Protein backbone atom coordinates (compact mmCIF):
# COMPACT_ATOMS: atom_id res chain seq x y z
CA ALA A 1 80.71 108.28 -11.98
CA ASP A 2 81.82 107.31 -15.47
CA PRO A 3 81.98 103.47 -15.66
CA VAL A 4 84.95 103.59 -18.05
CA VAL A 5 86.98 105.71 -15.62
CA TYR A 6 85.76 103.62 -12.68
CA HIS A 7 87.43 100.51 -14.16
CA MET A 8 90.76 102.19 -14.90
CA LEU A 9 93.73 101.44 -12.71
CA HIS A 10 95.69 104.15 -10.97
CA GLU A 11 99.37 103.61 -11.65
CA ASP A 12 102.51 105.35 -10.49
CA SER A 13 103.77 107.39 -13.43
CA GLY A 14 107.34 106.88 -12.25
CA ASN A 15 109.99 109.56 -12.34
CA ILE A 16 110.43 110.06 -16.09
CA SER A 17 112.15 113.23 -17.20
CA TYR A 18 111.59 114.69 -20.64
CA PRO A 19 115.20 113.97 -21.70
CA ALA A 20 114.49 110.28 -20.97
CA VAL A 21 111.98 110.36 -23.85
CA GLY A 22 114.58 110.58 -26.60
CA GLY A 23 113.98 111.72 -30.15
CA LEU A 24 110.54 113.19 -29.54
CA SER A 25 111.35 116.84 -28.81
CA ASP A 26 108.66 118.22 -31.16
CA GLN A 27 106.02 115.96 -29.62
CA ILE A 28 107.16 116.85 -26.09
CA ARG A 29 106.92 120.57 -26.89
CA GLU A 30 103.40 120.15 -28.26
CA LEU A 31 102.22 117.97 -25.38
CA ARG A 32 103.64 120.36 -22.81
CA GLU A 33 101.70 123.15 -24.51
CA TYR A 34 98.45 121.16 -24.78
CA ILE A 35 98.56 119.20 -21.52
CA GLU A 36 101.06 120.58 -19.02
CA LEU A 37 100.14 124.25 -19.44
CA PRO A 38 96.40 123.60 -18.86
CA LEU A 39 97.13 121.41 -15.83
CA LEU A 40 99.20 124.19 -14.31
CA ASN A 41 96.62 126.88 -15.26
CA PRO A 42 93.26 125.06 -15.17
CA GLU A 43 91.20 128.23 -15.07
CA LEU A 44 92.29 129.04 -18.63
CA PHE A 45 91.49 125.72 -20.32
CA LEU A 46 88.96 122.94 -20.92
CA ARG A 47 89.51 119.57 -19.24
CA GLY A 48 90.56 116.28 -20.80
CA VAL A 49 93.03 114.94 -23.35
CA LEU A 50 93.01 111.87 -25.56
CA LEU A 51 96.25 110.65 -27.12
CA TYR A 52 95.64 108.49 -30.15
CA GLY A 53 97.74 106.84 -32.82
CA PRO A 54 99.22 103.53 -33.87
CA SER A 55 100.69 101.13 -31.36
CA GLY A 56 104.36 101.61 -30.59
CA THR A 57 104.46 105.40 -30.98
CA ASP A 58 105.27 106.09 -27.29
CA LYS A 59 101.89 107.56 -26.33
CA THR A 60 102.01 105.85 -22.93
CA LEU A 61 105.61 106.87 -22.27
CA LEU A 62 104.79 110.49 -23.12
CA ALA A 63 101.71 110.42 -20.88
CA ARG A 64 103.79 109.03 -18.01
CA ALA A 65 106.43 111.74 -18.51
CA ILE A 66 103.79 114.45 -18.40
CA ALA A 67 102.12 112.98 -15.30
CA SER A 68 105.50 112.72 -13.61
CA ASN A 69 106.47 116.30 -14.41
CA VAL A 70 103.22 117.96 -13.31
CA ASP A 71 102.58 115.65 -10.35
CA THR A 72 99.16 114.46 -11.49
CA ASN A 73 97.36 111.12 -11.74
CA PHE A 74 98.14 108.65 -14.48
CA LEU A 75 95.29 106.31 -15.44
CA GLU A 76 95.69 103.42 -17.85
């Protein structure tokens, strides 16, 4: 097992709809294409995604929205 993943905490992603993530429609569209589509069709894609960028750019909120909408685990 990967020691980094082993030390992550499993958290409830909540029930966050995409409209609740206001003002980020372009980012939502891209993330749905890059993350949601592969999760729903795993046989067509590689595994794993890393969101990166400056603090305060809603990476965590977007990750929670995706996890909530595709009913998958959210690790932080």
